[in-house]
């Protein structure tokens, strides 16, 4: 009977260890599943970000081409650019002249 009891004890210990191993395996499987789900969500986010950057790059390139054609050497705004620069220079000179006179008027004796 004692050998039967020892066998039962060993069998019970094996069952406990097997149950412990099964619990650890379920936990590991849950962690693995969580990691997989997180990786999938991150892949979707990265794909969406890549698509957004691609769309932005296309829009930026198109805007750059439009600006180059409008403001370039053969652009339609070339003649107006020189006119705006001349008028801007005249206005800046006039404004500067009045600011300088206003500043020096403080130092003139009354």
PDB file of N, CA and C in Angstrom:
ATOM      1  N   UNK A   1       0.787  -1.184   0.000  1.00  0.00           N
ATOM      2  CA  UNK A   1       0.000   0.000   0.000  1.00  0.00           C
ATOM      3  C   UNK A   1       0.848   1.275   0.000  1.00  0.00           C
ATOM      4  N   UNK A   2       2.008   1.186   0.592  1.00  0.00           N
ATOM      5  CA  UNK A   2       2.816   2.384   0.644  1.00  0.00           C
ATOM      6  C   UNK A   2       3.322   2.761  -0.734  1.00  0.00           C
ATOM      7  N   UNK A   3       3.614   1.783  -1.585  1.00  0.00           N
ATOM      8  CA  UNK A   3       4.035   2.114  -2.946  1.00  0.00           C
ATOM      9  C   UNK A   3       2.873   2.689  -3.740  1.00  0.00           C
ATOM     10  N   UNK A   4       1.657   2.242  -3.429  1.00  0.00           N
ATOM     11  CA  UNK A   4       0.471   2.786  -4.092  1.00  0.00           C
ATOM     12  C   UNK A   4       0.257   4.234  -3.670  1.00  0.00           C
ATOM     13  N   UNK A   5       0.505   4.475  -2.357  1.00  0.00           N
ATOM     14  CA  UNK A   5       0.365   5.840  -1.862  1.00  0.00           C
ATOM     15  C   UNK A   5       1.418   6.746  -2.475  1.00  0.00           C
ATOM     16  N   UNK A   6       2.613   6.302  -2.587  1.00  0.00           N
ATOM     17  CA  UNK A   6       3.689   7.088  -3.188  1.00  0.00           C
ATOM     18  C   UNK A   6       3.365   7.389  -4.644  1.00  0.00           C
ATOM     19  N   UNK A   7       2.831   6.391  -5.352  1.00  0.00           N
ATOM     20  CA  UNK A   7       2.450   6.597  -6.747  1.00  0.00           C
ATOM     21  C   UNK A   7       1.330   7.620  -6.854  1.00  0.00           C
ATOM     22  N   UNK A   8       0.359   7.550  -5.928  1.00  0.00           N
ATOM     23  CA  UNK A   8      -0.737   8.530  -5.928  1.00  0.00           C
ATOM     24  C   UNK A   8      -0.211   9.935  -5.626  1.00  0.00           C
ATOM     25  N   UNK A   9       0.757  10.004  -4.686  1.00  0.00           N
ATOM     26  CA  UNK A   9       1.347  11.298  -4.344  1.00  0.00           C
ATOM     27  C   UNK A   9       2.081  11.880  -5.547  1.00  0.00           C
ATOM     28  N   UNK A  10       2.870  11.033  -6.210  1.00  0.00           N
ATOM     29  CA  UNK A  10       3.581  11.491  -7.405  1.00  0.00           C
ATOM     30  C   UNK A  10       2.618  11.905  -8.514  1.00  0.00           C
ATOM     31  N   UNK A  11       1.547  11.131  -8.625  1.00  0.00           N
ATOM     32  CA  UNK A  11       0.535  11.448  -9.651  1.00  0.00           C
ATOM     33  C   UNK A  11      -0.123  12.788  -9.337  1.00  0.00           C
ATOM     34  N   UNK A  12      -0.411  13.043  -8.060  1.00  0.00           N
ATOM     35  CA  UNK A  12      -1.031  14.314  -7.655  1.00  0.00           C
ATOM     36  C   UNK A  12      -0.066  15.472  -7.903  1.00  0.00           C
ATOM     37  N   UNK A  13       1.210  15.274  -7.579  1.00  0.00           N
ATOM     38  CA  UNK A  13       2.205  16.318  -7.827  1.00  0.00           C
ATOM     39  C   UNK A  13       2.355  16.594  -9.322  1.00  0.00           C
ATOM     40  N   UNK A  14       2.350  15.536 -10.110  1.00  0.00           N
ATOM     41  CA  UNK A  14       2.421  15.709 -11.576  1.00  0.00           C
ATOM     42  C   UNK A  14       1.212  16.477 -12.091  1.00  0.00           C
ATOM     43  N   UNK A  15       0.042  16.153 -11.556  1.00  0.00           N
ATOM     44  CA  UNK A  15      -1.181  16.860 -11.983  1.00  0.00           C
ATOM     45  C   UNK A  15      -1.118  18.338 -11.599  1.00  0.00           C
ATOM     46  N   UNK A  16      -0.601  18.646 -10.398  1.00  0.00           N
ATOM     47  CA  UNK A  16      -0.464  20.039  -9.973  1.00  0.00           C
ATOM     48  C   UNK A  16       0.526  20.786 -10.877  1.00  0.00           C
ATOM     49  N   UNK A  17       1.644  20.164 -11.152  1.00  0.00           N
ATOM     50  CA  UNK A  17       2.638  20.788 -12.020  1.00  0.00           C
ATOM     51  C   UNK A  17       2.099  20.972 -13.439  1.00  0.00           C
ATOM     52  N   UNK A  18       1.348  19.970 -13.892  1.00  0.00           N
ATOM     53  CA  UNK A  18       0.745  20.060 -15.231  1.00  0.00           C
ATOM     54  C   UNK A  18      -0.284  21.188 -15.289  1.00  0.00           C
ATOM     55  N   UNK A  19      -1.074  21.333 -14.229  1.00  0.00           N
ATOM     56  CA  UNK A  19      -2.061  22.420 -14.172  1.00  0.00           C
ATOM     57  C   UNK A  19      -1.347  23.774 -14.116  1.00  0.00           C
ATOM     58  N   UNK A  20      -0.256  23.852 -13.353  1.00  0.00           N
ATOM     59  CA  UNK A  20       0.525  25.080 -13.279  1.00  0.00           C
ATOM     60  C   UNK A  20       1.109  25.424 -14.647  1.00  0.00           C
ATOM     61  N   UNK A  21       1.641  24.424 -15.323  1.00  0.00           N
ATOM     62  CA  UNK A  21       2.192  24.634 -16.665  1.00  0.00           C
ATOM     63  C   UNK A  21       1.106  25.060 -17.641  1.00  0.00           C
ATOM     64  N   UNK A  22      -0.085  24.482 -17.511  1.00  0.00           N
ATOM     65  CA  UNK A  22      -1.206  24.838 -18.388  1.00  0.00           C
ATOM     66  C   UNK A  22      -1.629  26.295 -18.142  1.00  0.00           C
ATOM     67  N   UNK A  23      -1.646  26.726 -16.888  1.00  0.00           N
ATOM     68  CA  UNK A  23      -2.000  28.113 -16.548  1.00  0.00           C
ATOM     69  C   UNK A  23      -0.970  29.083 -17.138  1.00  0.00           C
ATOM     70  N   UNK A  24       0.314  28.744 -17.014  1.00  0.00           N
ATOM     71  CA  UNK A  24       1.365  29.589 -17.577  1.00  0.00           C
ATOM     72  C   UNK A  24       1.247  29.654 -19.096  1.00  0.00           C
ATOM     73  N   UNK A  25       0.902  28.522 -19.709  1.00  0.00           N
ATOM     74  CA  UNK A  25       0.746  28.483 -21.158  1.00  0.00           C
ATOM     75  C   UNK A  25      -0.420  29.360 -21.605  1.00  0.00           C
ATOM     76  N   UNK A  26      -1.543  29.339 -20.862  1.00  0.00           N
ATOM     77  CA  UNK A  26      -2.681  30.204 -21.200  1.00  0.00           C
ATOM     78  C   UNK A  26      -2.305  31.672 -21.054  1.00  0.00           C
ATOM     79  N   UNK A  27      -1.553  32.001 -19.999  1.00  0.00           N
ATOM     80  CA  UNK A  27      -1.115  33.384 -19.801  1.00  0.00           C
ATOM     81  C   UNK A  27      -0.208  33.820 -20.938  1.00  0.00           C
ATOM     82  N   UNK A  28       0.729  32.971 -21.309  1.00  0.00           N
ATOM     83  CA  UNK A  28       1.638  33.281 -22.408  1.00  0.00           C
ATOM     84  C   UNK A  28       0.882  33.447 -23.717  1.00  0.00           C
ATOM     85  N   UNK A  29      -0.104  32.606 -23.951  1.00  0.00           N
ATOM     86  CA  UNK A  29      -0.914  32.716 -25.162  1.00  0.00           C
ATOM     87  C   UNK A  29      -1.694  34.031 -25.173  1.00  0.00           C
ATOM     88  N   UNK A  30      -2.228  34.443 -24.016  1.00  0.00           N
ATOM     89  CA  UNK A  30      -2.939  35.722 -23.922  1.00  0.00           C
ATOM     90  C   UNK A  30      -2.033  36.902 -24.203  1.00  0.00           C
ATOM     91  N   UNK A  31      -0.816  36.861 -23.643  1.00  0.00           N
ATOM     92  CA  UNK A  31       0.145  37.943 -23.879  1.00  0.00           C
ATOM     93  C   UNK A  31       0.519  37.995 -25.355  1.00  0.00           C
ATOM     94  N   UNK A  32       0.745  36.824 -25.950  1.00  0.00           N
ATOM     95  CA  UNK A  32       1.095  36.764 -27.363  1.00  0.00           C
ATOM     96  C   UNK A  32      -0.025  37.335 -28.228  1.00  0.00           C
ATOM     97  N   UNK A  33      -1.259  37.011 -27.895  1.00  0.00           N
ATOM     98  CA  UNK A  33      -2.403  37.538 -28.640  1.00  0.00           C
ATOM     99  C   UNK A  33      -2.499  39.053 -28.490  1.00  0.00           C
ATOM    100  N   UNK A  34      -2.274  39.553 -27.266  1.00  0.00           N
ATOM    101  CA  UNK A  34      -2.302  41.001 -27.047  1.00  0.00           C
ATOM    102  C   UNK A  34      -1.214  41.704 -27.848  1.00  0.00           C
ATOM    103  N   UNK A  35      -0.027  41.117 -27.877  1.00  0.00           N
ATOM    104  CA  UNK A  35       1.069  41.705 -28.652  1.00  0.00           C
ATOM    105  C   UNK A  35       0.718  41.720 -30.142  1.00  0.00           C
ATOM    106  N   UNK A  36       0.155  40.636 -30.636  1.00  0.00           N
ATOM    107  CA  UNK A  36      -0.229  40.565 -32.053  1.00  0.00           C
ATOM    108  C   UNK A  36      -1.268  41.634 -32.385  1.00  0.00           C
ATOM    109  N   UNK A  37      -2.281  41.780 -31.520  1.00  0.00           N
ATOM    110  CA  UNK A  37      -3.317  42.794 -31.761  1.00  0.00           C
ATOM    111  C   UNK A  37      -2.725  44.201 -31.762  1.00  0.00           C
ATOM    112  N   UNK A  38      -1.803  44.459 -30.832  1.00  0.00           N
ATOM    113  CA  UNK A  38      -1.172  45.771 -30.777  1.00  0.00           C
ATOM    114  C   UNK A  38      -0.336  46.045 -32.023  1.00  0.00           C
ATOM    115  N   UNK A  39       0.383  45.043 -32.478  1.00  0.00           N
ATOM    116  CA  UNK A  39       1.185  45.206 -33.693  1.00  0.00           C
ATOM    117  C   UNK A  39       0.284  45.486 -34.893  1.00  0.00           C
ATOM    118  N   UNK A  40      -0.827  44.803 -34.994  1.00  0.00           N
ATOM    119  CA  UNK A  40      -1.757  45.043 -36.102  1.00  0.00           C
ATOM    120  C   UNK A  40      -2.309  46.468 -36.064  1.00  0.00           C
ATOM    121  N   UNK A  41      -2.673  46.946 -34.862  1.00  0.00           N
ATOM    122  CA  UNK A  41      -3.173  48.326 -34.743  1.00  0.00           C
ATOM    123  C   UNK A  41      -2.088  49.327 -35.143  1.00  0.00           C
ATOM    124  N   UNK A  42      -0.862  49.076 -34.732  1.00  0.00           N
ATOM    125  CA  UNK A  42       0.228  49.981 -35.093  1.00  0.00           C
ATOM    126  C   UNK A  42       0.501  49.948 -36.590  1.00  0.00           C
ATOM    127  N   UNK A  43       0.384  48.798 -37.214  1.00  0.00           N
ATOM    128  CA  UNK A  43       0.566  48.715 -38.671  1.00  0.00           C
ATOM    129  C   UNK A  43      -0.495  49.525 -39.401  1.00  0.00           C
ATOM    130  N   UNK A  44      -1.737  49.447 -38.920  1.00  0.00           N
ATOM    131  CA  UNK A  44      -2.810  50.228 -39.539  1.00  0.00           C
ATOM    132  C   UNK A  44      -2.521  51.723 -39.378  1.00  0.00           C
ATOM    133  N   UNK A  45      -2.079  52.111 -38.187  1.00  0.00           N
ATOM    134  CA  UNK A  45      -1.754  53.523 -37.941  1.00  0.00           C
ATOM    135  C   UNK A  45      -0.613  53.988 -38.836  1.00  0.00           C
ATOM    136  N   UNK A  46       0.414  53.165 -38.962  1.00  0.00           N
ATOM    137  CA  UNK A  46       1.534  53.524 -39.835  1.00  0.00           C
ATOM    138  C   UNK A  46       1.106  53.626 -41.298  1.00  0.00           C
ATOM    139  N   UNK A  47       0.240  52.719 -41.742  1.00  0.00           N
ATOM    140  CA  UNK A  47      -0.256  52.799 -43.119  1.00  0.00           C
ATOM    141  C   UNK A  47      -1.037  54.085 -43.351  1.00  0.00           C
ATOM    142  N   UNK A  48      -1.895  54.436 -42.388  1.00  0.00           N
ATOM    143  CA  UNK A  48      -2.669  55.669 -42.525  1.00  0.00           C
ATOM    144  C   UNK A  48      -1.751  56.893 -42.534  1.00  0.00           C
ATOM    145  N   UNK A  49      -0.725  56.880 -41.686  1.00  0.00           N
ATOM    146  CA  UNK A  49       0.224  57.990 -41.647  1.00  0.00           C
ATOM    147  C   UNK A  49       0.985  58.091 -42.958  1.00  0.00           C
ATOM    148  N   UNK A  50       1.406  56.944 -43.490  1.00  0.00           N
ATOM    149  CA  UNK A  50       2.106  56.945 -44.775  1.00  0.00           C
ATOM    150  C   UNK A  50       1.228  57.487 -45.888  1.00  0.00           C
ATOM    151  N   UNK A  51      -0.046  57.104 -45.879  1.00  0.00           N
ATOM    152  CA  UNK A  51      -0.971  57.616 -46.895  1.00  0.00           C
ATOM    153  C   UNK A  51      -1.160  59.124 -46.750  1.00  0.00           C
ATOM    154  N   UNK A  52      -1.236  59.605 -45.511  1.00  0.00           N
ATOM    155  CA  UNK A  52      -1.396  61.049 -45.293  1.00  0.00           C
ATOM    156  C   UNK A  52      -0.180  61.807 -45.802  1.00  0.00           C
ATOM    157  N   UNK A  53       1.016  61.281 -45.521  1.00  0.00           N
ATOM    158  CA  UNK A  53       2.229  61.952 -45.997  1.00  0.00           C
ATOM    159  C   UNK A  53       2.320  61.907 -47.514  1.00  0.00           C
ATOM    160  N   UNK A  54       1.893  60.816 -48.120  1.00  0.00           N
ATOM    161  CA  UNK A  54       1.930  60.743 -49.583  1.00  0.00           C
ATOM    162  C   UNK A  54       0.994  61.777 -50.196  1.00  0.00           C
ATOM    163  N   UNK A  55      -0.196  61.903 -49.621  1.00  0.00           N
ATOM    164  CA  UNK A  55      -1.149  62.898 -50.102  1.00  0.00           C
ATOM    165  C   UNK A  55      -0.599  64.307 -49.916  1.00  0.00           C
ATOM    166  N   UNK A  56       0.001  64.560 -48.757  1.00  0.00           N
ATOM    167  CA  UNK A  56       0.583  65.874 -48.494  1.00  0.00           C
ATOM    168  C   UNK A  56       1.728  66.172 -49.458  1.00  0.00           C
ATOM    169  N   UNK A  57       2.563  65.173 -49.725  1.00  0.00           N
ATOM    170  CA  UNK A  57       3.686  65.373 -50.649  1.00  0.00           C
ATOM    171  C   UNK A  57       3.174  65.708 -52.052  1.00  0.00           C
ATOM    172  N   UNK A  58       2.116  65.046 -52.491  1.00  0.00           N
ATOM    173  CA  UNK A  58       1.538  65.354 -53.803  1.00  0.00           C
ATOM    174  C   UNK A  58       0.987  66.765 -53.855  1.00  0.00           C
ATOM    175  N   UNK A  59       0.280  67.159 -52.799  1.00  0.00           N
ATOM    176  CA  UNK A  59      -0.268  68.520 -52.756  1.00  0.00           C
ATOM    177  C   UNK A  59       0.838  69.570 -52.722  1.00  0.00           C
ATOM    178  N   UNK A  60       1.887  69.290 -51.950  1.00  0.00           N
ATOM    179  CA  UNK A  60       2.997  70.223 -51.862  1.00  0.00           C
ATOM    180  C   UNK A  60       3.722  70.350 -53.204  1.00  0.00           C
ATOM    181  N   UNK A  61       3.913  69.244 -53.889  1.00  0.00           N
ATOM    182  CA  UNK A  61       4.570  69.288 -55.195  1.00  0.00           C
ATOM    183  C   UNK A  61       3.730  70.067 -56.201  1.00  0.00           C
ATOM    184  N   UNK A  62       2.419  69.857 -56.167  1.00  0.00           N
ATOM    185  CA  UNK A  62       1.536  70.575 -57.085  1.00  0.00           C
ATOM    186  C   UNK A  62       1.554  72.077 -56.779  1.00  0.00           C
ATOM    187  N   UNK A  63       1.522  72.441 -55.506  1.00  0.00           N
ATOM    188  CA  UNK A  63       1.582  73.859 -55.135  1.00  0.00           C
ATOM    189  C   UNK A  63       2.913  74.472 -55.554  1.00  0.00           C
ATOM    190  N   UNK A  64       3.981  73.719 -55.403  1.00  0.00           N
ATOM    191  CA  UNK A  64       5.295  74.210 -55.801  1.00  0.00           C
ATOM    192  C   UNK A  64       5.360  74.452 -57.309  1.00  0.00           C
ATOM    193  N   UNK A  65       4.796  73.533 -58.079  1.00  0.00           N
ATOM    194  CA  UNK A  65       4.780  73.730 -59.542  1.00  0.00           C
ATOM    195  C   UNK A  65       3.958  74.952 -59.920  1.00  0.00           C
ATOM    196  N   UNK A  66       2.829  75.142 -59.261  1.00  0.00           N
ATOM    197  CA  UNK A  66       2.001  76.319 -59.560  1.00  0.00           C
ATOM    198  C   UNK A  66       2.727  77.609 -59.213  1.00  0.00           C
ATOM    199  N   UNK A  67       3.387  77.617 -58.061  1.00  0.00           N
ATOM    200  CA  UNK A  67       4.119  78.824 -57.657  1.00  0.00           C
ATOM    201  C   UNK A  67       5.276  79.086 -58.614  1.00  0.00           C
ATOM    202  N   UNK A  68       5.948  78.033 -59.034  1.00  0.00           N
ATOM    203  CA  UNK A  68       7.065  78.214 -59.970  1.00  0.00           C
ATOM    204  C   UNK A  68       6.578  78.759 -61.303  1.00  0.00           C
ATOM    205  N   UNK A  69       5.433  78.291 -61.763  1.00  0.00           N
ATOM    206  CA  UNK A  69       4.931  78.803 -63.041  1.00  0.00           C
ATOM    207  C   UNK A  69       4.412  80.230 -62.905  1.00  0.00           C
ATOM    208  N   UNK A  70       3.912  80.594 -61.731  1.00  0.00           N
ATOM    209  CA  UNK A  70       3.384  81.946 -61.553  1.00  0.00           C
ATOM    210  C   UNK A  70       4.484  82.962 -61.294  1.00  0.00           C
ATOM    211  N   UNK A  71       5.481  82.591 -60.507  1.00  0.00           N
ATOM    212  CA  UNK A  71       6.515  83.539 -60.120  1.00  0.00           C
ATOM    213  C   UNK A  71       7.836  83.310 -60.821  1.00  0.00           C
ATOM    214  N   UNK A  72       7.912  82.368 -61.695  1.00  0.00           N
ATOM    215  CA  UNK A  72       9.157  82.060 -62.389  1.00  0.00           C
ATOM    216  C   UNK A  72       9.504  83.101 -63.433  1.00  0.00           C
ATOM    217  N   UNK A  73      10.645  82.922 -64.099  1.00  0.00           N
ATOM    218  CA  UNK A  73      11.097  83.902 -65.100  1.00  0.00           C
ATOM    219  C   UNK A  73      10.108  84.081 -66.247  1.00  0.00           C
ATOM    220  N   UNK A  74       9.454  83.031 -66.650  1.00  0.00           N
ATOM    221  CA  UNK A  74       8.472  83.158 -67.726  1.00  0.00           C
ATOM    222  C   UNK A  74       7.043  83.184 -67.202  1.00  0.00           C
ATOM    223  N   UNK A  75       6.903  83.412 -65.917  1.00  0.00           N
ATOM    224  CA  UNK A  75       5.574  83.398 -65.310  1.00  0.00           C
ATOM    225  C   UNK A  75       4.760  84.618 -65.685  1.00  0.00           C
ATOM    226  N   UNK A  76       3.472  84.520 -65.440  1.00  0.00           N
ATOM    227  CA  UNK A  76       2.563  85.603 -65.800  1.00  0.00           C
ATOM    228  C   UNK A  76       2.671  86.783 -64.844  1.00  0.00           C
ATOM    229  N   UNK A  77       3.306  86.608 -63.711  1.00  0.00           N
ATOM    230  CA  UNK A  77       3.381  87.685 -62.730  1.00  0.00           C
ATOM    231  C   UNK A  77       4.711  88.432 -62.764  1.00  0.00           C
ATOM    232  N   UNK A  78       5.556  88.163 -63.752  1.00  0.00           N
ATOM    233  CA  UNK A  78       6.877  88.774 -63.794  1.00  0.00           C
ATOM    234  C   UNK A  78       6.793  90.288 -63.932  1.00  0.00           C
ATOM    235  N   UNK A  79       5.953  90.761 -64.828  1.00  0.00           N
ATOM    236  CA  UNK A  79       5.860  92.199 -65.048  1.00  0.00           C
ATOM    237  C   UNK A  79       5.259  92.905 -63.837  1.00  0.00           C
ATOM    238  N   UNK A  80       4.349  92.225 -63.138  1.00  0.00           N
ATOM    239  CA  UNK A  80       3.744  92.833 -61.959  1.00  0.00           C
ATOM    240  C   UNK A  80       4.704  92.822 -60.770  1.00  0.00           C
ATOM    241  N   UNK A  81       5.587  91.856 -60.735  1.00  0.00           N
ATOM    242  CA  UNK A  81       6.543  91.770 -59.644  1.00  0.00           C
ATOM    243  C   UNK A  81       7.454  92.995 -59.627  1.00  0.00           C
ATOM    244  N   UNK A  82       7.963  93.404 -60.761  1.00  0.00           N
ATOM    245  CA  UNK A  82       8.829  94.577 -60.843  1.00  0.00           C
ATOM    246  C   UNK A  82       8.061  95.843 -60.452  1.00  0.00           C
ATOM    247  N   UNK A  83       6.814  95.947 -60.901  1.00  0.00           N
ATOM    248  CA  UNK A  83       5.993  97.099 -60.555  1.00  0.00           C
ATOM    249  C   UNK A  83       5.763  97.168 -59.046  1.00  0.00           C
ATOM    250  N   UNK A  84       5.470  96.052 -58.428  1.00  0.00           N
ATOM    251  CA  UNK A  84       5.249  96.019 -56.982  1.00  0.00           C
ATOM    252  C   UNK A  84       6.536  96.355 -56.239  1.00  0.00           C
ATOM    253  N   UNK A  85       7.679  95.900 -56.739  1.00  0.00           N
ATOM    254  CA  UNK A  85       8.947  96.209 -56.089  1.00  0.00           C
ATOM    255  C   UNK A  85       9.245  97.703 -56.154  1.00  0.00           C
ATOM    256  N   UNK A  86       8.990  98.336 -57.278  1.00  0.00           N
ATOM    257  CA  UNK A  86       9.254  99.771 -57.418  1.00  0.00           C
ATOM    258  C   UNK A  86       8.316 100.565 -56.518  1.00  0.00           C
ATOM    259  N   UNK A  87       7.045 100.238 -56.545  1.00  0.00           N
ATOM    260  CA  UNK A  87       6.081 100.952 -55.699  1.00  0.00           C
ATOM    261  C   UNK A  87       6.408 100.718 -54.228  1.00  0.00           C
ATOM    262  N   UNK A  88       6.778  99.500 -53.862  1.00  0.00           N
ATOM    263  CA  UNK A  88       7.151  99.203 -52.481  1.00  0.00           C
ATOM    264  C   UNK A  88       8.373  99.980 -52.046  1.00  0.00           C
ATOM    265  N   UNK A  89       9.348 100.111 -52.920  1.00  0.00           N
ATOM    266  CA  UNK A  89      10.546 100.880 -52.586  1.00  0.00           C
ATOM    267  C   UNK A  89      10.207 102.347 -52.367  1.00  0.00           C
ATOM    268  N   UNK A  90       9.341 102.915 -53.211  1.00  0.00           N
ATOM    269  CA  UNK A  90       8.937 104.324 -53.062  1.00  0.00           C
ATOM    270  C   UNK A  90       8.193 104.526 -51.753  1.00  0.00           C
ATOM    271  N   UNK A  91       7.272 103.624 -51.428  1.00  0.00           N
ATOM    272  CA  UNK A  91       6.505 103.734 -50.177  1.00  0.00           C
ATOM    273  C   UNK A  91       7.438 103.582 -48.985  1.00  0.00           C
ATOM    274  N   UNK A  92       8.367 102.651 -49.053  1.00  0.00           N
ATOM    275  CA  UNK A  92       9.308 102.444 -47.948  1.00  0.00           C
ATOM    276  C   UNK A  92      10.195 103.668 -47.761  1.00  0.00           C
ATOM    277  N   UNK A  93      10.653 104.272 -48.847  1.00  0.00           N
ATOM    278  CA  UNK A  93      11.479 105.477 -48.759  1.00  0.00           C
ATOM    279  C   UNK A  93      10.686 106.619 -48.141  1.00  0.00           C
ATOM    280  N   UNK A  94       9.437 106.816 -48.591  1.00  0.00           N
ATOM    281  CA  UNK A  94       8.578 107.877 -48.065  1.00  0.00           C
ATOM    282  C   UNK A  94       8.328 107.682 -46.577  1.00  0.00           C
ATOM    283  N   UNK A  95       8.006 106.458 -46.189  1.00  0.00           N
ATOM    284  CA  UNK A  95       7.741 106.154 -44.783  1.00  0.00           C
ATOM    285  C   UNK A  95       9.002 106.353 -43.942  1.00  0.00           C
ATOM    286  N   UNK A  96      10.123 105.890 -44.441  1.00  0.00           N
ATOM    287  CA  UNK A  96      11.387 106.066 -43.735  1.00  0.00           C
ATOM    288  C   UNK A  96      11.741 107.534 -43.557  1.00  0.00           C
ATOM    289  N   UNK A  97      11.511 108.332 -44.604  1.00  0.00           N
ATOM    290  CA  UNK A  97      11.781 109.776 -44.548  1.00  0.00           C
ATOM    291  C   UNK A  97      10.964 110.442 -43.435  1.00  0.00           C
ATOM    292  N   UNK A  98       9.689 110.098 -43.352  1.00  0.00           N
ATOM    293  CA  UNK A  98       8.828 110.695 -42.326  1.00  0.00           C
ATOM    294  C   UNK A  98       9.197 110.206 -40.930  1.00  0.00           C
ATOM    295  N   UNK A  99       9.583 108.983 -40.782  1.00  0.00           N
ATOM    296  CA  UNK A  99      10.007 108.473 -39.468  1.00  0.00           C
ATOM    297  C   UNK A  99      11.278 109.180 -39.016  1.00  0.00           C
ATOM    298  N   UNK A 100      12.227 109.340 -39.916  1.00  0.00           N
ATOM    299  CA  UNK A 100      13.476 110.023 -39.560  1.00  0.00           C
ATOM    300  C   UNK A 100      13.184 111.474 -39.185  1.00  0.00           C
ATOM    301  N   UNK A 101      12.346 112.170 -39.957  1.00  0.00           N
ATOM    302  CA  UNK A 101      11.996 113.561 -39.622  1.00  0.00           C
ATOM    303  C   UNK A 101      11.276 113.645 -38.288  1.00  0.00           C
ATOM    304  N   UNK A 102      10.445 112.707 -37.999  1.00  0.00           N
ATOM    305  CA  UNK A 102       9.711 112.694 -36.738  1.00  0.00           C
ATOM    306  C   UNK A 102      10.669 112.483 -35.571  1.00  0.00           C
ATOM    307  N   UNK A 103      11.639 111.591 -35.720  1.00  0.00           N
ATOM    308  CA  UNK A 103      12.611 111.332 -34.665  1.00  0.00           C
ATOM    309  C   UNK A 103      13.480 112.567 -34.450  1.00  0.00           C
ATOM    310  N   UNK A 104      13.961 113.205 -35.532  1.00  0.00           N
ATOM    311  CA  UNK A 104      14.823 114.376 -35.382  1.00  0.00           C
ATOM    312  C   UNK A 104      14.052 115.601 -34.895  1.00  0.00           C
ATOM    313  N   UNK A 105      12.747 115.604 -35.041  1.00  0.00           N
ATOM    314  CA  UNK A 105      11.971 116.746 -34.557  1.00  0.00           C
ATOM    315  C   UNK A 105      11.984 116.784 -33.041  1.00  0.00           C
ATOM    316  N   UNK A 106      12.258 115.707 -32.380  1.00  0.00           N
ATOM    317  CA  UNK A 106      12.351 115.667 -30.931  1.00  0.00           C
ATOM    318  C   UNK A 106      13.633 116.347 -30.446  1.00  0.00           C
ATOM    319  N   UNK A 107      14.662 116.309 -31.274  1.00  0.00           N
ATOM    320  CA  UNK A 107      15.953 116.858 -30.865  1.00  0.00           C
ATOM    321  C   UNK A 107      16.144 118.309 -31.270  1.00  0.00           C
ATOM    322  N   UNK A 108      15.254 118.844 -32.083  1.00  0.00           N
ATOM    323  CA  UNK A 108      15.343 120.239 -32.478  1.00  0.00           C
ATOM    324  C   UNK A 108      14.891 121.148 -31.343  1.00  0.00           C
ATOM    325  N   UNK A 109      15.586 122.261 -31.179  1.00  0.00           N
ATOM    326  CA  UNK A 109      15.112 123.189 -30.128  1.00  0.00           C
ATOM    327  C   UNK A 109      13.801 123.838 -30.559  1.00  0.00           C
ATOM    328  N   UNK A 110      12.951 124.010 -29.616  1.00  0.00           N
ATOM    329  CA  UNK A 110      11.631 124.583 -29.921  1.00  0.00           C
ATOM    330  C   UNK A 110      11.654 126.062 -30.031  1.00  0.00           C
TER     331      UNK A 110
END
